[in-house]
C-alpha atoms as a PDB file:
ATOM      1  CA  GLU A   1      21.514 -59.308 105.814  1.00  0.00           C
ATOM      2  CA  ASN A   2      23.100 -60.185 109.644  1.00  0.00           C
ATOM      3  CA  VAL A   3      26.265 -61.126 107.081  1.00  0.00           C
ATOM      4  CA  PHE A   4      27.611 -57.205 107.626  1.00  0.00           C
ATOM      5  CA  PRO A   5      28.845 -55.825 110.345  1.00  0.00           C
ATOM      6  CA  ALA A   6      26.040 -53.819 112.960  1.00  0.00           C
ATOM      7  CA  THR A   7      29.028 -50.989 113.926  1.00  0.00           C
ATOM      8  CA  PRO A   8      29.424 -47.730 112.409  1.00  0.00           C
ATOM      9  CA  LEU A   9      31.996 -47.435 109.542  1.00  0.00           C
ATOM     10  CA  PRO A  10      34.706 -45.389 110.497  1.00  0.00           C
ATOM     11  CA  GLY A  11      34.077 -41.859 109.832  1.00  0.00           C
ATOM     12  CA  LEU A  12      30.795 -42.284 109.233  1.00  0.00           C
ATOM     13  CA  ASP A  13      27.663 -42.428 111.149  1.00  0.00           C
ATOM     14  CA  TYR A  14      26.439 -45.358 109.303  1.00  0.00           C
ATOM     15  CA  SER A  15      27.108 -49.370 109.915  1.00  0.00           C
ATOM     16  CA  GLN A  16      27.924 -51.541 106.671  1.00  0.00           C
ATOM     17  CA  ARG A  17      24.701 -53.131 107.521  1.00  0.00           C
ATOM     18  CA  ASP A  18      22.905 -49.978 107.015  1.00  0.00           C
ATOM     19  CA  PHE A  19      24.837 -49.262 104.211  1.00  0.00           C
ATOM     20  CA  MET A  20      23.599 -52.496 102.154  1.00  0.00           C
ATOM     21  CA  ARG A  21      19.736 -52.170 103.277  1.00  0.00           C
ATOM     22  CA  ARG A  22      20.227 -48.685 101.224  1.00  0.00           C
ATOM     23  CA  VAL A  23      21.859 -50.762  98.686  1.00  0.00           C
ATOM     24  CA  ARG A  24      19.510 -53.432  98.276  1.00  0.00           C
ATOM     25  CA  ASP A  25      16.728 -50.817  98.199  1.00  0.00           C
ATOM     26  CA  ILE A  26      17.835 -49.034  95.332  1.00  0.00           C
ATOM     27  CA  CYS A  27      18.559 -52.854  93.353  1.00  0.00           C
ATOM     28  CA  VAL A  28      14.744 -53.287  94.640  1.00  0.00           C
ATOM     29  CA  ARG A  29      13.542 -50.500  92.888  1.00  0.00           C
ATOM     30  CA  TYR A  30      15.711 -50.785  89.646  1.00  0.00           C
ATOM     31  CA  CYS A  31      14.132 -54.245  89.075  1.00  0.00           C
ATOM     32  CA  ASP A  32      10.760 -53.012  90.088  1.00  0.00           C
ATOM     33  CA  ALA A  33      10.660 -49.912  87.649  1.00  0.00           C
ATOM     34  CA  PHE A  34      12.893 -52.322  84.852  1.00  0.00           C
ATOM     35  CA  PRO A  35      12.311 -50.826  81.790  1.00  0.00           C
ATOM     36  CA  ASN A  36      11.835 -47.688  82.591  1.00  0.00           C
ATOM     37  CA  ASN A  37      14.530 -46.621  84.629  1.00  0.00           C
ATOM     38  CA  ARG A  38      15.168 -42.972  85.087  1.00  0.00           C
ATOM     39  CA  ARG A  39      18.949 -44.418  84.825  1.00  0.00           C
ATOM     40  CA  ARG A  40      19.420 -47.319  82.426  1.00  0.00           C
ATOM     41  CA  ASN A  41      22.696 -48.756  84.097  1.00  0.00           C
ATOM     42  CA  LEU A  42      24.710 -49.767  87.218  1.00  0.00           C
ATOM     43  CA  LEU A  43      27.368 -49.515  88.043  1.00  0.00           C
ATOM     44  CA  LEU A  44      28.970 -51.380  91.557  1.00  0.00           C
ATOM     45  CA  THR A  45      32.149 -50.397  92.428  1.00  0.00           C
ATOM     46  CA  GLY A  46      34.010 -51.477  95.687  1.00  0.00           C
ATOM     47  CA  ALA A  47      37.053 -54.104  97.248  1.00  0.00           C
ATOM     48  CA  PRO A  48      35.989 -57.633  96.657  1.00  0.00           C
ATOM     49  CA  GLY A  49      34.003 -59.370  99.471  1.00  0.00           C
ATOM     50  CA  LEU A  50      31.455 -56.494  99.848  1.00  0.00           C
ATOM     51  CA  GLY A  51      28.431 -58.048  98.201  1.00  0.00           C
ATOM     52  CA  LYS A  52      28.256 -56.897  94.415  1.00  0.00           C
ATOM     53  CA  THR A  53      28.310 -60.089  92.457  1.00  0.00           C
ATOM     54  CA  PHE A  54      25.800 -61.350  94.822  1.00  0.00           C
ATOM     55  CA  LEU A  55      23.536 -58.277  94.322  1.00  0.00           C
ATOM     56  CA  LEU A  56      24.296 -58.786  90.454  1.00  0.00           C
ATOM     57  CA  ASN A  57      23.251 -62.309  91.073  1.00  0.00           C
ATOM     58  CA  CYS A  58      19.921 -61.523  92.912  1.00  0.00           C
ATOM     59  CA  MET A  59      18.594 -58.724  90.386  1.00  0.00           C
ATOM     60  CA  ALA A  60      19.280 -61.266  87.570  1.00  0.00           C
ATOM     61  CA  ASN A  61      16.797 -63.749  88.984  1.00  0.00           C
ATOM     62  CA  ARG A  62      14.207 -61.115  89.916  1.00  0.00           C
ATOM     63  CA  LEU A  63      14.211 -59.912  86.413  1.00  0.00           C
ATOM     64  CA  TYR A  64      14.589 -63.047  85.249  1.00  0.00           C
ATOM     65  CA  ALA A  65      11.342 -64.312  87.075  1.00  0.00           C
ATOM     66  CA  ARG A  66       9.264 -61.164  85.852  1.00  0.00           C
ATOM     67  CA  GLY A  67      10.122 -62.389  81.812  1.00  0.00           C
ATOM     68  CA  VAL A  68      13.368 -59.816  80.966  1.00  0.00           C
ATOM     69  CA  ALA A  69      15.737 -61.792  78.974  1.00  0.00           C
ATOM     70  CA  VAL A  70      19.264 -61.629  80.968  1.00  0.00           C
ATOM     71  CA  SER A  71      22.559 -62.272  79.725  1.00  0.00           C
ATOM     72  CA  TYR A  72      24.658 -62.604  82.540  1.00  0.00           C
ATOM     73  CA  LEU A  73      28.650 -63.068  82.244  1.00  0.00           C
ATOM     74  CA  THR A  74      32.089 -62.393  83.514  1.00  0.00           C
ATOM     75  CA  ALA A  75      34.246 -60.115  82.119  1.00  0.00           C
ATOM     76  CA  TYR A  76      36.676 -62.731  81.050  1.00  0.00           C
ATOM     77  CA  ARG A  77      33.805 -64.762  79.338  1.00  0.00           C
ATOM     78  CA  MET A  78      32.495 -60.767  77.771  1.00  0.00           C
ATOM     79  CA  LEU A  79      36.654 -60.438  76.275  1.00  0.00           C
ATOM     80  CA  GLY A  80      36.456 -64.333  75.096  1.00  0.00           C
ATOM     81  CA  ALA A  81      33.514 -63.138  72.989  1.00  0.00           C
ATOM     82  CA  MET A  82      35.051 -59.767  71.663  1.00  0.00           C
ATOM     83  CA  ARG A  83      38.037 -61.977  70.807  1.00  0.00           C
ATOM     84  CA  GLU A  84      35.908 -64.531  68.662  1.00  0.00           C
ATOM     85  CA  SER A  85      34.129 -61.599  67.007  1.00  0.00           C
ATOM     86  CA  VAL A  86      37.735 -60.002  66.134  1.00  0.00           C
ATOM     87  CA  MET A  87      39.235 -62.588  65.220  1.00  0.00           C
ATOM     88  CA  GLY A  88      36.347 -63.803  62.717  1.00  0.00           C
ATOM     89  CA  VAL A  89      35.616 -67.263  64.882  1.00  0.00           C
ATOM     90  CA  ASP A  90      32.071 -65.930  65.881  1.00  0.00           C
ATOM     91  CA  GLU A  91      30.247 -62.888  65.894  1.00  0.00           C
ATOM     92  CA  ARG A  92      26.961 -64.178  67.284  1.00  0.00           C
ATOM     93  CA  PRO A  93      28.171 -64.173  71.327  1.00  0.00           C
ATOM     94  CA  PHE A  94      29.059 -60.377  70.878  1.00  0.00           C
ATOM     95  CA  GLN A  95      26.292 -59.681  68.837  1.00  0.00           C
ATOM     96  CA  LEU A  96      23.952 -61.150  71.992  1.00  0.00           C
ATOM     97  CA  MET A  97      25.782 -58.797  74.748  1.00  0.00           C
ATOM     98  CA  LEU A  98      25.139 -55.631  72.030  1.00  0.00           C
ATOM     99  CA  GLY A  99      21.175 -57.069  71.698  1.00  0.00           C
ATOM    100  CA  ALA A 100      20.736 -57.988  75.188  1.00  0.00           C
ATOM    101  CA  GLU A 101      17.257 -56.569  77.113  1.00  0.00           C
ATOM    102  CA  LEU A 102      19.587 -56.586  80.107  1.00  0.00           C
ATOM    103  CA  LEU A 103      23.482 -57.092  79.950  1.00  0.00           C
ATOM    104  CA  ILE A 104      25.536 -57.953  82.975  1.00  0.00           C
ATOM    105  CA  ILE A 105      29.437 -58.055  83.175  1.00  0.00           C
ATOM    106  CA  ASP A 106      30.776 -58.948  86.352  1.00  0.00           C
ATOM    107  CA  ASP A 107      33.785 -58.244  87.648  1.00  0.00           C
ATOM    108  CA  LEU A 108      35.014 -55.445  84.829  1.00  0.00           C
ATOM    109  CA  GLY A 109      38.559 -54.942  84.973  1.00  0.00           C
ATOM    110  CA  SER A 110      39.819 -58.612  85.768  1.00  0.00           C
ATOM    111  CA  GLU A 111      40.018 -59.139  82.464  1.00  0.00           C
ATOM    112  CA  PRO A 112      43.462 -59.439  80.182  1.00  0.00           C
ATOM    113  CA  ILE A 113      44.134 -56.210  78.237  1.00  0.00           C
ATOM    114  CA  TYR A 114      44.396 -57.163  74.680  1.00  0.00           C
ATOM    115  CA  ARG A 115      45.932 -55.015  71.969  1.00  0.00           C
ATOM    116  CA  ASN A 116      43.599 -53.789  69.647  1.00  0.00           C
ATOM    117  CA  ILE A 117      40.688 -55.632  71.395  1.00  0.00           C
ATOM    118  CA  THR A 118      39.581 -55.360  75.069  1.00  0.00           C
ATOM    119  CA  ILE A 119      39.485 -50.856  75.045  1.00  0.00           C
ATOM    120  CA  GLU A 120      38.221 -50.777  71.541  1.00  0.00           C
ATOM    121  CA  MET A 121      35.058 -53.821  71.957  1.00  0.00           C
ATOM    122  CA  LEU A 122      34.405 -52.537  75.088  1.00  0.00           C
ATOM    123  CA  PHE A 123      33.536 -48.779  73.751  1.00  0.00           C
ATOM    124  CA  THR A 124      31.885 -50.313  71.420  1.00  0.00           C
ATOM    125  CA  LEU A 125      29.870 -52.364  73.301  1.00  0.00           C
ATOM    126  CA  LEU A 126      29.263 -49.921  76.338  1.00  0.00           C
ATOM    127  CA  ASN A 127      28.444 -46.991  72.969  1.00  0.00           C
ATOM    128  CA  GLU A 128      26.312 -49.124  71.269  1.00  0.00           C
ATOM    129  CA  ARG A 129      24.167 -50.078  74.278  1.00  0.00           C
ATOM    130  CA  MET A 130      24.058 -46.310  75.436  1.00  0.00           C
ATOM    131  CA  ARG A 131      22.926 -45.386  71.541  1.00  0.00           C
ATOM    132  CA  ALA A 132      20.267 -48.439  71.773  1.00  0.00           C
ATOM    133  CA  ARG A 133      19.134 -47.194  75.433  1.00  0.00           C
ATOM    134  CA  ALA A 134      19.894 -50.562  76.613  1.00  0.00           C
ATOM    135  CA  HIS A 135      20.586 -51.568  80.075  1.00  0.00           C
ATOM    136  CA  THR A 136      23.310 -52.820  81.464  1.00  0.00           C
ATOM    137  CA  LEU A 137      24.594 -53.503  85.405  1.00  0.00           C
ATOM    138  CA  ILE A 138      28.326 -53.332  85.529  1.00  0.00           C
ATOM    139  CA  ALA A 139      30.368 -54.596  89.178  1.00  0.00           C
ATOM    140  CA  THR A 140      33.596 -53.994  89.653  1.00  0.00           C
ATOM    141  CA  ASN A 141      36.500 -53.959  91.937  1.00  0.00           C
ATOM    142  CA  LEU A 142      38.035 -50.862  90.548  1.00  0.00           C
ATOM    143  CA  THR A 143      37.651 -46.997  91.311  1.00  0.00           C
ATOM    144  CA  ALA A 144      36.734 -44.162  88.606  1.00  0.00           C
ATOM    145  CA  PRO A 145      40.324 -43.155  88.395  1.00  0.00           C
ATOM    146  CA  GLN A 146      41.295 -47.159  88.000  1.00  0.00           C
ATOM    147  CA  LEU A 147      38.900 -47.328  85.054  1.00  0.00           C
ATOM    148  CA  LEU A 148      39.983 -44.312  83.710  1.00  0.00           C
ATOM    149  CA  GLU A 149      43.657 -45.206  83.656  1.00  0.00           C
ATOM    150  CA  ARG A 150      42.552 -48.827  82.772  1.00  0.00           C
ATOM    151  CA  TYR A 151      40.431 -48.118  79.736  1.00  0.00           C
ATOM    152  CA  GLY A 152      41.524 -44.748  78.920  1.00  0.00           C
ATOM    153  CA  ASP A 153      38.679 -41.761  79.055  1.00  0.00           C
ATOM    154  CA  ARG A 154      36.365 -42.866  76.023  1.00  0.00           C
ATOM    155  CA  VAL A 155      35.432 -45.838  77.897  1.00  0.00           C
ATOM    156  CA  ALA A 156      35.699 -44.538  81.206  1.00  0.00           C
ATOM    157  CA  SER A 157      33.430 -41.533  80.183  1.00  0.00           C
ATOM    158  CA  ARG A 158      30.594 -44.332  79.470  1.00  0.00           C
ATOM    159  CA  LEU A 159      30.418 -45.985  82.893  1.00  0.00           C
ATOM    160  CA  ILE A 160      30.918 -43.374  84.975  1.00  0.00           C
ATOM    161  CA  ASN A 161      28.091 -41.450  83.004  1.00  0.00           C
ATOM    162  CA  THR A 162      25.957 -39.664  85.372  1.00  0.00           C
ATOM    163  CA  GLU A 163      23.281 -39.014  83.248  1.00  0.00           C
ATOM    164  CA  ASP A 164      22.722 -42.634  81.961  1.00  0.00           C
ATOM    165  CA  THR A 165      24.494 -44.473  85.300  1.00  0.00           C
ATOM    166  CA  THR A 166      24.292 -44.936  88.631  1.00  0.00           C
ATOM    167  CA  ILE A 167      27.022 -45.160  90.469  1.00  0.00           C
ATOM    168  CA  LEU A 168      27.056 -47.480  94.079  1.00  0.00           C
ATOM    169  CA  GLY A 169      30.194 -47.705  95.780  1.00  0.00           C
ATOM    170  CA  PHE A 170      30.587 -50.317  98.350  1.00  0.00           C
ATOM    171  CA  VAL A 171      32.143 -49.871 101.560  1.00  0.00           C
ATOM    172  CA  GLY A 172      33.217 -52.012 104.332  1.00  0.00           C
ATOM    173  CA  ALA A 173      34.879 -55.533 105.188  1.00  0.00           C
ATOM    174  CA  ASP A 174      35.147 -58.445 103.098  1.00  0.00           C
ATOM    175  CA  VAL A 175      32.348 -60.235 104.181  1.00  0.00           C
ATOM    176  CA  ARG A 176      34.102 -63.413 102.891  1.00  0.00           C
ATOM    177  CA  VAL A 177      36.851 -63.289 105.298  1.00  0.00           C
ATOM    178  CA  ARG A 178      34.473 -61.443 108.161  1.00  0.00           C
ATOM    179  CA  GLY A 179      32.343 -64.782 107.643  1.00  0.00           C
ATOM    180  CA  LYS A 180      35.036 -67.794 107.795  1.00  0.00           C
ATOM    181  CA  GLY A 181      36.111 -66.472 111.171  1.00  0.00           C
ATOM    182  CA  GLY A 182      38.787 -63.523 110.083  1.00  0.00           C
END
């Protein structure tokens, strides 16, 4: 908690530390309510070094300890599973993502865009999980407009659908840099 600055954020009446306490509380409530969450998905957005991956790991550990089958992967590994499925090498990893009780994707937007694979398979993954009412947690450094630009409206609308998704936009200073005396 002391990793985050206690000084008010520019133009706001709260600090990064206060903000992260609120975000932590939302994530704890999400885990405690699982699988009966009003909104099944969480989208964590914001610049690098604000604690998104750390929170995903904490949530994964908390839910795993409760017996939830958690599938946690980076966007790069997600893309690898998608490529293997499309090329007929091995469909099992993609099928596991489709059917996971809880799917966590970290660093969406860092993976390469492969023609006829990335966007199409991401759409399929998100759409099928949405239709199955499955829970998905995603962290990205991209903003909503950047998600739209990168993936198009069909994928972006599923990522930022506020009926099913709580969007947490992280703000503040990079704690990795700050933590190293930067």
